[in-house]
Amino acid sequence: MTYPCTECILDHMAASGPQERKELKRECRTQAVPYSDELFENAIFTLLQQQKIVLETDNYYDFPEAYYNAQIGA
């Protein structure tokens, strides 16, 4: 069974809200299959490139505004 870092990050943020990098890494280290630091870094890069997450100025990763607008039907 696989649970990629990208899915782990998105699922954790959907359940817990904006997260610091270290929290996302801890979650992936304990939940993602397979896990490596390289896979985690690639997942963060991919999600940022795909604009599925954004880096806020206070060093938290969050969903883009469009994600929240879709949740409330705006």
Protein backbone atom coordinates (compact mmCIF):
# COMPACT_ATOMS: atom_id res chain seq x y z
CA MET A 1 0.00 0.00 0.00
CA THR A 2 1.25 3.48 -0.80
CA TYR A 3 0.36 6.83 0.71
CA PRO A 4 2.49 9.44 -1.04
CA CYS A 5 3.77 12.53 0.76
CA THR A 6 1.65 14.74 -1.50
CA GLU A 7 -1.56 13.07 -0.31
CA CYS A 8 -0.37 12.97 3.28
CA ILE A 9 0.34 16.73 3.23
CA LEU A 10 -3.01 17.61 1.65
CA ASP A 11 -4.96 15.32 3.99
CA HIS A 12 -3.20 16.64 7.09
CA MET A 13 -3.77 20.26 6.09
CA ALA A 14 -7.42 19.58 5.25
CA ALA A 15 -7.91 18.11 8.72
CA SER A 16 -5.72 20.48 10.73
CA GLY A 17 -5.44 23.75 8.82
CA PRO A 18 -2.25 25.64 7.95
CA GLN A 19 0.93 23.89 9.04
CA GLU A 20 4.59 24.67 9.53
CA ARG A 21 7.04 22.72 7.40
CA LYS A 22 8.34 20.77 10.41
CA GLU A 23 4.80 19.62 11.26
CA LEU A 24 4.17 18.48 7.69
CA LYS A 25 7.48 16.64 7.67
CA ARG A 26 6.67 14.92 10.97
CA GLU A 27 3.28 13.84 9.64
CA CYS A 28 4.80 12.46 6.44
CA ARG A 29 7.58 10.70 8.35
CA THR A 30 5.01 8.82 10.42
CA GLN A 31 2.26 8.30 7.83
CA ALA A 32 3.59 8.40 4.25
CA VAL A 33 4.58 5.18 2.50
CA PRO A 34 7.23 5.28 1.16
CA TYR A 35 8.96 8.14 2.99
CA SER A 36 12.32 9.83 2.57
CA ASP A 37 13.48 13.41 3.04
CA GLU A 38 13.87 13.65 -0.74
CA LEU A 39 10.30 12.46 -1.35
CA PHE A 40 9.04 15.01 1.18
CA GLU A 41 10.96 17.87 -0.46
CA ASN A 42 9.72 16.80 -3.89
CA ALA A 43 6.14 16.69 -2.60
CA ILE A 44 6.34 20.23 -1.18
CA PHE A 45 7.88 21.49 -4.44
CA THR A 46 5.24 19.73 -6.56
CA LEU A 47 2.33 21.03 -4.49
CA LEU A 48 3.70 24.57 -4.63
CA GLN A 49 4.25 24.33 -8.40
CA GLN A 50 0.74 22.99 -8.93
CA GLN A 51 -0.58 25.78 -6.69
CA LYS A 52 -2.34 23.29 -4.44
CA ILE A 53 -0.62 24.88 -1.44
CA VAL A 54 0.99 28.26 -0.81
CA LEU A 55 3.72 29.43 1.55
CA GLU A 56 2.44 32.19 3.81
CA THR A 57 4.69 34.97 5.08
CA ASP A 58 4.67 33.52 8.60
CA ASN A 59 6.28 30.28 7.33
CA TYR A 60 3.07 28.29 7.30
CA TYR A 61 1.85 26.30 4.34
CA ASP A 62 -1.81 26.85 3.56
CA PHE A 63 -4.27 26.17 0.79
CA PRO A 64 -4.73 28.95 -1.78
CA GLU A 65 -7.74 31.23 -1.42
CA ALA A 66 -9.48 29.41 -4.29
CA TYR A 67 -9.57 26.24 -2.16
CA TYR A 68 -11.48 28.00 0.60
CA ASN A 69 -13.78 29.73 -1.87
CA ALA A 70 -14.69 26.35 -3.35
CA GLN A 71 -15.41 24.98 0.15
CA ILE A 72 -17.96 27.72 0.84
CA GLY A 73 -19.32 27.79 -2.69
CA ALA A 74 -18.10 31.32 -3.46
